[in-house]
């Protein structure tokens, strides 16, 4: 067990008499395919070795007790009183609520959790929080859900109390991740395939901008609404069901005058990104990591200029990366408006890249940069003591 798991277990045993089960629930990276999971696109995520650790045990009552170590905050609530709250409480309570909707077999439990995913980093700490709890409750309540069913439950949970209308990618990667592999996920059918991640002398480096603009969740829903508006117009003119049915940007251009500019730009980005992700998957399967990196830069430009979910800090970091010959690809990762950039960097140049980016970021924006060299990991699992 690592340090965090040990601390979570220790805190649980200090607080409760029962013996808990321990679980690890990972964050995720997404190599390419951003903001297309809720647009029936394709994505290339992987679970990573940063996540959330849970200790949980039934308590033979109708009370649920949560202790969030990272916030030093607790929540005690009767099962009958579960409702929407705020902050981290919304995420865990929404998962419990989904289980109550499945059946009436919810029982009281005690739960301690903590993690090492930096908040607002774009590594999807919310999916890690949801996934770890859902996986544990599925075992505890013996509901017999498959991993895909748990991922879908967690997606519904994020839609419900937190009201973030996310796609399926984060929760799917959290449940279905496989060490040393990436997932090519069809977000419409949930068909997926694994293939080895051969980085051949390169490392994945995340640069945390250490900013997270407060408009992120609201703006996320606005982008989704723009896509729905644009798709509605296209459906009325073309024989299509989703953006993936549009194989040429020219098909979109014919209807540009029917859409507000921002709606058109969102549609253009989504169509281009779906095509990019399919191309990127083919490149990765051929181990053509250099050409793959070029597509990452193209994705960032689309996210910044068309989808408008970047910010000056993320644009600055991608610009720094683009001037470094050891970096073959970089882009913002996650919802945007802050969080991390994901960079593919030549192994021999990693430390120099991190050092240079840290200095320039501090000098130009007066913000301290954090960097993480990430590795892939398995999806949510029980830790055997």
Protein backbone atom coordinates (compact mmCIF):
# COMPACT_ATOMS: atom_id res chain seq x y z
CA UNK A 1 0.00 0.00 0.00
CA UNK A 2 1.16 3.53 -0.65
CA UNK A 3 1.21 6.40 1.85
CA UNK A 4 -2.28 7.72 1.07
CA UNK A 5 -3.91 4.30 1.30
CA UNK A 6 -2.17 3.73 4.63
CA UNK A 7 -3.38 7.08 6.00
CA UNK A 8 -6.95 6.44 4.85
CA UNK A 9 -6.96 3.02 6.51
CA UNK A 10 -5.41 4.45 9.68
CA UNK A 11 -8.00 7.23 9.91
CA UNK A 12 -10.81 4.71 9.42
CA UNK A 13 -9.57 2.37 12.15
CA UNK A 14 -9.16 5.32 14.54
CA UNK A 15 -12.77 6.40 13.93
CA UNK A 16 -14.69 3.12 13.57
CA UNK A 17 -14.70 -0.34 15.10
CA UNK A 18 -15.35 -2.23 11.85
CA UNK A 19 -12.76 -3.52 9.38
CA UNK A 20 -13.09 -1.76 6.01
CA UNK A 21 -12.37 -2.79 2.45
CA UNK A 22 -9.88 -0.60 0.59
CA UNK A 23 -10.27 0.59 -3.00
CA UNK A 24 -8.26 2.61 -5.50
CA UNK A 25 -10.03 4.70 -8.13
CA UNK A 26 -7.82 6.36 -10.76
CA UNK A 27 -7.90 9.70 -12.50
CA UNK A 28 -7.42 9.75 -16.24
CA UNK A 29 -5.60 11.41 -19.07
CA UNK A 30 -7.05 11.80 -22.53
CA UNK A 31 -4.53 11.75 -25.36
CA UNK A 32 -6.95 13.18 -27.91
CA UNK A 33 -10.69 13.53 -28.51
CA UNK A 34 -11.65 16.42 -26.21
CA UNK A 35 -15.23 17.62 -25.76
CA UNK A 36 -16.52 15.00 -28.18
CA UNK A 37 -17.60 12.29 -25.73
CA UNK A 38 -20.98 13.99 -25.33
CA UNK A 39 -21.14 14.47 -29.12
CA UNK A 40 -21.05 10.77 -30.07
CA UNK A 41 -17.38 10.95 -30.94
CA UNK A 42 -14.28 8.83 -30.27
CA UNK A 43 -11.78 9.36 -27.46
CA UNK A 44 -8.38 7.96 -26.47
CA UNK A 45 -8.16 8.01 -22.67
CA UNK A 46 -6.13 6.01 -20.16
CA UNK A 47 -6.41 5.56 -16.40
CA UNK A 48 -3.38 6.92 -14.52
CA UNK A 49 -1.42 6.36 -11.33
CA UNK A 50 -3.03 9.26 -9.48
CA UNK A 51 -6.40 8.73 -7.91
CA UNK A 52 -8.66 8.45 -4.86
CA UNK A 53 -8.40 5.86 -2.08
CA UNK A 54 -11.48 4.64 -0.23
CA UNK A 55 -11.92 2.75 3.05
CA UNK A 56 -15.53 1.67 3.49
CA UNK A 57 -17.56 -0.71 5.67
CA UNK A 58 -21.25 -1.24 6.50
CA UNK A 59 -22.34 0.07 9.92
CA UNK A 60 -25.64 -1.76 10.50
CA UNK A 61 -27.65 1.47 10.68
CA UNK A 62 -29.54 3.91 8.44
CA UNK A 63 -26.78 6.50 8.76
CA UNK A 64 -24.07 7.23 6.23
CA UNK A 65 -20.83 8.81 7.39
CA UNK A 66 -18.27 10.33 5.01
CA UNK A 67 -14.94 11.85 5.96
CA UNK A 68 -13.07 13.65 3.15
CA UNK A 69 -9.48 13.80 4.42
CA UNK A 70 -8.29 16.24 1.75
CA UNK A 71 -10.80 18.83 2.92
CA UNK A 72 -10.86 17.75 6.58
CA UNK A 73 -14.64 17.75 6.28
CA UNK A 74 -17.24 15.23 7.34
CA UNK A 75 -20.84 14.49 6.47
CA UNK A 76 -23.29 12.40 8.46
CA UNK A 77 -26.71 11.86 6.93
CA UNK A 78 -29.67 9.50 7.23
CA UNK A 79 -30.39 7.52 4.06
CA UNK A 80 -33.91 8.95 4.01
CA UNK A 81 -32.53 12.51 4.03
CA UNK A 82 -30.21 12.26 1.02
CA UNK A 83 -30.55 15.33 -1.19
CA UNK A 84 -28.55 17.73 -3.34
CA UNK A 85 -25.93 19.69 -1.38
CA UNK A 86 -22.74 21.37 -2.60
CA UNK A 87 -19.06 20.67 -3.21
CA UNK A 88 -17.68 17.16 -2.81
CA UNK A 89 -20.82 16.12 -0.93
CA UNK A 90 -22.84 16.35 -4.15
CA UNK A 91 -20.65 13.77 -5.89
CA UNK A 92 -20.77 11.10 -3.21
CA UNK A 93 -24.44 11.64 -2.36
CA UNK A 94 -25.41 11.52 -6.02
CA UNK A 95 -23.75 8.10 -6.32
CA UNK A 96 -25.65 6.85 -3.25
CA UNK A 97 -28.84 8.30 -4.73
CA UNK A 98 -28.31 6.33 -7.95
CA UNK A 99 -28.11 3.11 -5.93
CA UNK A 100 -31.34 3.99 -4.13
CA UNK A 101 -32.96 4.49 -7.54
CA UNK A 102 -31.77 1.01 -8.56
CA UNK A 103 -33.18 -0.69 -5.47
CA UNK A 104 -34.24 -0.16 -1.87
CA UNK A 105 -31.35 -2.17 -0.49
CA UNK A 106 -29.13 0.76 0.51
CA UNK A 107 -27.72 0.26 4.00
CA UNK A 108 -25.74 2.56 6.24
CA UNK A 109 -21.95 2.65 5.91
CA UNK A 110 -18.85 4.47 7.08
CA UNK A 111 -16.41 5.86 4.56
CA UNK A 112 -13.05 7.66 4.59
CA UNK A 113 -11.41 8.82 1.38
CA UNK A 114 -8.45 10.86 0.14
CA UNK A 115 -6.52 11.25 -3.08
CA UNK A 116 -3.58 12.77 -4.91
CA UNK A 117 -5.30 14.20 -8.00
CA UNK A 118 -4.74 17.97 -7.92
CA UNK A 119 -8.13 19.69 -7.83
CA UNK A 120 -9.09 21.44 -11.05
CA UNK A 121 -6.24 19.75 -12.95
CA UNK A 122 -8.40 18.16 -15.66
CA UNK A 123 -7.46 14.61 -14.57
CA UNK A 124 -11.09 14.01 -13.62
CA UNK A 125 -11.03 13.80 -9.86
CA UNK A 126 -14.85 13.78 -9.93
CA UNK A 127 -14.98 10.50 -11.87
CA UNK A 128 -12.41 9.02 -9.47
CA UNK A 129 -14.54 10.03 -6.47
CA UNK A 130 -17.68 8.62 -8.10
CA UNK A 131 -16.05 5.44 -9.39
CA UNK A 132 -14.38 4.38 -6.16
CA UNK A 133 -17.56 4.79 -4.14
CA UNK A 134 -19.79 3.14 -6.75
CA UNK A 135 -17.46 0.14 -7.13
CA UNK A 136 -17.32 -0.26 -3.33
CA UNK A 137 -21.11 0.01 -2.94
CA UNK A 138 -21.69 -2.47 -5.75
CA UNK A 139 -19.59 -5.00 -3.83
CA UNK A 140 -21.04 -4.11 -0.43
CA UNK A 141 -24.67 -4.22 -1.59
CA UNK A 142 -24.07 -7.14 -3.97
CA UNK A 143 -25.89 -5.40 -6.81
CA UNK A 144 -23.86 -7.32 -9.41
CA UNK A 145 -23.29 -4.44 -11.83
CA UNK A 146 -20.76 -4.80 -14.64
CA UNK A 147 -17.96 -2.26 -14.90
CA UNK A 148 -19.70 -0.59 -17.86
CA UNK A 149 -22.93 -0.38 -15.84
CA UNK A 150 -21.04 1.21 -12.95
CA UNK A 151 -19.49 3.76 -15.34
CA UNK A 152 -22.96 4.64 -16.66
CA UNK A 153 -24.28 4.94 -13.09
CA UNK A 154 -21.44 7.34 -12.25
CA UNK A 155 -22.20 9.41 -15.35
CA UNK A 156 -25.84 9.69 -14.26
CA UNK A 157 -24.62 10.68 -10.79
CA UNK A 158 -22.57 13.56 -12.21
CA UNK A 159 -25.54 14.71 -14.30
CA UNK A 160 -27.86 14.61 -11.29
CA UNK A 161 -26.78 16.42 -8.10
CA UNK A 162 -23.64 18.19 -9.45
CA UNK A 163 -25.53 19.06 -12.68
CA UNK A 164 -22.49 18.63 -14.92
CA UNK A 165 -23.78 17.23 -18.21
CA UNK A 166 -20.60 15.26 -18.93
CA UNK A 167 -20.11 12.57 -21.52
CA UNK A 168 -19.10 9.01 -20.66
CA UNK A 169 -15.32 9.22 -21.19
CA UNK A 170 -14.13 10.02 -17.65
CA UNK A 171 -16.22 7.39 -15.91
CA UNK A 172 -15.49 4.79 -18.60
CA UNK A 173 -11.72 5.29 -18.36
CA UNK A 174 -11.96 5.18 -14.56
CA UNK A 175 -13.63 1.76 -14.66
CA UNK A 176 -12.15 0.20 -17.79
CA UNK A 177 -8.55 1.45 -17.78
CA UNK A 178 -5.74 -1.03 -18.38
CA UNK A 179 -2.13 -0.49 -17.37
CA UNK A 180 0.26 0.23 -20.28
CA UNK A 181 -2.68 0.61 -22.66
CA UNK A 182 -4.96 3.29 -24.03
CA UNK A 183 -8.65 2.87 -24.74
CA UNK A 184 -10.19 3.74 -28.06
CA UNK A 185 -13.78 4.35 -27.01
CA UNK A 186 -16.75 4.87 -29.28
CA UNK A 187 -18.85 7.17 -27.08
CA UNK A 188 -22.04 6.37 -28.98
CA UNK A 189 -22.01 2.57 -28.87
CA UNK A 190 -19.52 2.16 -25.97
CA UNK A 191 -17.59 -0.27 -28.15
CA UNK A 192 -13.97 -0.09 -27.13
CA UNK A 193 -10.62 -1.62 -27.81
CA UNK A 194 -7.29 -1.57 -26.05
CA UNK A 195 -3.94 -1.21 -27.62
CA UNK A 196 -0.50 -0.92 -26.06
CA UNK A 197 0.88 2.56 -25.52
CA UNK A 198 4.36 2.43 -27.07
CA UNK A 199 5.99 5.75 -26.27
CA UNK A 200 9.45 4.67 -27.49
CA UNK A 201 11.65 7.07 -25.58
CA UNK A 202 8.91 9.63 -24.83
CA UNK A 203 7.09 10.46 -21.61
CA UNK A 204 3.68 11.96 -20.92
CA UNK A 205 4.14 15.12 -18.90
CA UNK A 206 1.26 17.11 -17.43
CA UNK A 207 1.81 20.78 -16.65
CA UNK A 208 -0.68 22.06 -14.10
CA UNK A 209 -1.47 25.72 -14.79
CA UNK A 210 -2.67 26.03 -11.18
CA UNK A 211 -5.60 28.12 -12.33
CA UNK A 212 -9.18 26.99 -12.52
CA UNK A 213 -11.58 29.66 -13.64
CA UNK A 214 -14.88 29.46 -11.80
CA UNK A 215 -16.99 29.61 -14.96
CA UNK A 216 -15.85 26.14 -16.04
CA UNK A 217 -18.89 24.01 -15.17
CA UNK A 218 -21.45 26.54 -16.44
CA UNK A 219 -19.51 27.13 -19.65
CA UNK A 220 -19.24 23.36 -20.14
CA UNK A 221 -23.03 23.10 -20.24
CA UNK A 222 -23.21 26.11 -22.61
CA UNK A 223 -20.87 24.34 -25.07
CA UNK A 224 -23.07 21.29 -24.93
CA UNK A 225 -26.16 23.43 -25.65
CA UNK A 226 -24.43 25.06 -28.65
CA UNK A 227 -23.60 21.65 -30.07
CA UNK A 228 -27.18 20.48 -29.59
CA UNK A 229 -28.50 23.63 -31.29
CA UNK A 230 -26.18 23.19 -34.27
CA UNK A 231 -26.90 19.47 -34.56
CA UNK A 232 -30.63 20.20 -34.52
CA UNK A 233 -30.22 22.51 -37.53
CA UNK A 234 -28.10 19.93 -39.37
CA UNK A 235 -30.59 17.13 -38.64
CA UNK A 236 -33.36 19.22 -40.18
CA UNK A 237 -31.36 19.59 -43.40
CA UNK A 238 -29.37 16.37 -43.68
CA UNK A 239 -30.14 12.69 -43.15
CA UNK A 240 -27.93 12.38 -40.06
CA UNK A 241 -28.27 11.32 -36.42
CA UNK A 242 -25.08 12.78 -34.95
CA UNK A 243 -21.94 14.75 -35.82
CA UNK A 244 -20.09 11.55 -36.65
CA UNK A 245 -22.34 11.11 -39.68
CA UNK A 246 -20.83 14.23 -41.26
CA UNK A 247 -17.73 13.06 -43.07
CA UNK A 248 -16.76 16.37 -44.67
CA UNK A 249 -16.45 19.89 -43.30
CA UNK A 250 -17.97 21.03 -46.60
CA UNK A 251 -21.28 19.46 -45.53
CA UNK A 252 -21.27 21.80 -42.54
CA UNK A 253 -20.19 24.88 -44.50
CA UNK A 254 -23.38 24.78 -46.57
CA UNK A 255 -25.39 25.68 -43.46
CA UNK A 256 -23.06 28.24 -41.88
CA UNK A 257 -25.50 31.13 -42.48
CA UNK A 258 -28.23 29.30 -40.55
CA UNK A 259 -26.23 29.22 -37.32
CA UNK A 260 -24.97 31.83 -34.86
CA UNK A 261 -21.17 32.11 -35.20
CA UNK A 262 -20.37 30.47 -31.86
CA UNK A 263 -22.72 27.57 -32.61
CA UNK A 264 -21.10 27.07 -36.03
CA UNK A 265 -17.59 27.18 -34.52
CA UNK A 266 -18.49 24.52 -31.94
CA UNK A 267 -19.90 22.27 -34.66
CA UNK A 268 -16.81 22.78 -36.83
CA UNK A 269 -14.50 21.88 -33.94
CA UNK A 270 -16.46 18.71 -33.08
CA UNK A 271 -16.50 17.43 -36.69
CA UNK A 272 -12.76 18.10 -37.07
CA UNK A 273 -11.93 16.54 -33.69
CA UNK A 274 -13.85 13.34 -34.41
CA UNK A 275 -11.87 12.99 -37.66
CA UNK A 276 -8.62 13.80 -35.84
CA UNK A 277 -9.23 11.17 -33.18
CA UNK A 278 -9.86 8.42 -35.73
CA UNK A 279 -6.67 9.43 -37.55
CA UNK A 280 -4.77 9.59 -34.25
CA UNK A 281 -5.84 6.08 -33.27
CA UNK A 282 -4.54 4.73 -36.57
CA UNK A 283 -1.22 6.57 -36.05
CA UNK A 284 -0.86 5.25 -32.52
CA UNK A 285 -1.48 1.69 -33.70
CA UNK A 286 1.37 2.20 -36.18
CA UNK A 287 3.55 3.61 -33.37
CA UNK A 288 3.82 6.88 -35.32
CA UNK A 289 4.05 9.03 -32.22
CA UNK A 290 5.53 12.09 -34.01
CA UNK A 291 2.57 12.53 -36.37
CA UNK A 292 0.25 11.82 -33.46
CA UNK A 293 1.81 14.75 -31.60
CA UNK A 294 1.05 17.12 -34.47
CA UNK A 295 -2.63 16.28 -34.13
CA UNK A 296 -2.50 17.24 -30.44
CA UNK A 297 -1.35 20.75 -31.39
CA UNK A 298 -4.20 20.95 -33.91
CA UNK A 299 -6.67 19.92 -31.22
CA UNK A 300 -5.43 22.68 -28.93
CA UNK A 301 -5.85 25.28 -31.64
CA UNK A 302 -9.42 24.11 -32.17
CA UNK A 303 -10.18 24.11 -28.44
CA UNK A 304 -8.74 27.60 -28.09
CA UNK A 305 -10.00 29.34 -31.23
CA UNK A 306 -13.23 27.51 -32.14
CA UNK A 307 -14.55 25.89 -28.97
CA UNK A 308 -13.22 28.70 -26.77
CA UNK A 309 -12.47 26.63 -23.68
CA UNK A 310 -8.83 27.61 -23.27
CA UNK A 311 -7.43 30.56 -21.32
CA UNK A 312 -4.28 32.67 -21.48
CA UNK A 313 -2.43 30.41 -19.03
CA UNK A 314 -3.04 27.22 -21.04
CA UNK A 315 -2.28 28.95 -24.33
CA UNK A 316 0.98 30.21 -22.83
CA UNK A 317 2.04 26.69 -21.76
CA UNK A 318 1.22 25.15 -25.14
CA UNK A 319 3.16 27.95 -26.82
CA UNK A 320 6.19 27.22 -24.59
CA UNK A 321 5.93 23.54 -25.54
CA UNK A 322 5.67 24.30 -29.26
CA UNK A 323 9.06 26.09 -29.15
CA UNK A 324 10.81 23.12 -27.55
CA UNK A 325 12.14 20.56 -30.04
CA UNK A 326 11.86 17.79 -27.42
CA UNK A 327 8.07 18.23 -27.25
CA UNK A 328 6.25 16.59 -30.14
CA UNK A 329 2.69 17.35 -29.03
CA UNK A 330 0.85 19.49 -26.49
CA UNK A 331 -2.68 20.65 -25.78
CA UNK A 332 -5.02 21.53 -22.97
CA UNK A 333 -6.62 18.48 -21.39
CA UNK A 334 -10.04 18.18 -19.81
CA UNK A 335 -12.87 20.67 -19.66
CA UNK A 336 -10.63 23.71 -20.08
CA UNK A 337 -10.51 27.18 -18.46
CA UNK A 338 -7.54 25.99 -16.44
CA UNK A 339 -6.14 22.67 -15.32
CA UNK A 340 -3.36 20.87 -17.16
CA UNK A 341 -1.73 20.69 -20.52
CA UNK A 342 -0.73 17.22 -21.68
CA UNK A 343 2.65 17.02 -23.40
CA UNK A 344 4.53 14.20 -25.12
CA UNK A 345 8.18 14.85 -24.42
CA UNK A 346 11.40 13.12 -25.41
CA UNK A 347 12.59 11.29 -22.30
CA UNK A 348 16.06 12.85 -22.40
CA UNK A 349 14.54 16.35 -22.44
CA UNK A 350 11.84 16.00 -19.79
CA UNK A 351 13.62 17.69 -16.89
CA UNK A 352 14.91 20.55 -19.01
CA UNK A 353 11.41 21.10 -20.46
CA UNK A 354 9.82 21.17 -17.00
CA UNK A 355 12.49 23.54 -15.68
CA UNK A 356 12.21 25.94 -18.62
CA UNK A 357 8.40 25.96 -18.59
CA UNK A 358 8.37 26.55 -14.82
CA UNK A 359 10.70 29.55 -15.07
CA UNK A 360 8.91 31.16 -18.03
CA UNK A 361 5.47 30.63 -16.47
CA UNK A 362 6.60 32.25 -13.22
CA UNK A 363 8.30 35.15 -14.98
CA UNK A 364 5.44 35.93 -17.37
CA UNK A 365 2.33 35.09 -15.37
CA UNK A 366 3.64 35.03 -11.80
CA UNK A 367 2.12 31.59 -11.15
CA UNK A 368 3.94 28.55 -9.79
CA UNK A 369 3.79 25.61 -12.20
CA UNK A 370 3.44 21.98 -11.13
CA UNK A 371 4.53 19.11 -13.36
CA UNK A 372 3.68 15.42 -13.24
CA UNK A 373 5.23 12.60 -15.23
CA UNK A 374 2.31 10.21 -15.53
CA UNK A 375 2.00 6.50 -16.09
CA UNK A 376 -1.03 4.46 -17.08
CA UNK A 377 -2.81 2.26 -14.53
CA UNK A 378 -5.70 -0.16 -14.21
CA UNK A 379 -9.30 0.90 -13.68
CA UNK A 380 -10.85 1.01 -10.20
CA UNK A 381 -9.93 -2.00 -8.08
CA UNK A 382 -9.94 -3.38 -4.57
CA UNK A 383 -6.66 -3.20 -2.69
CA UNK A 384 -5.86 -6.49 -1.01
CA UNK A 385 -4.37 -5.79 2.43
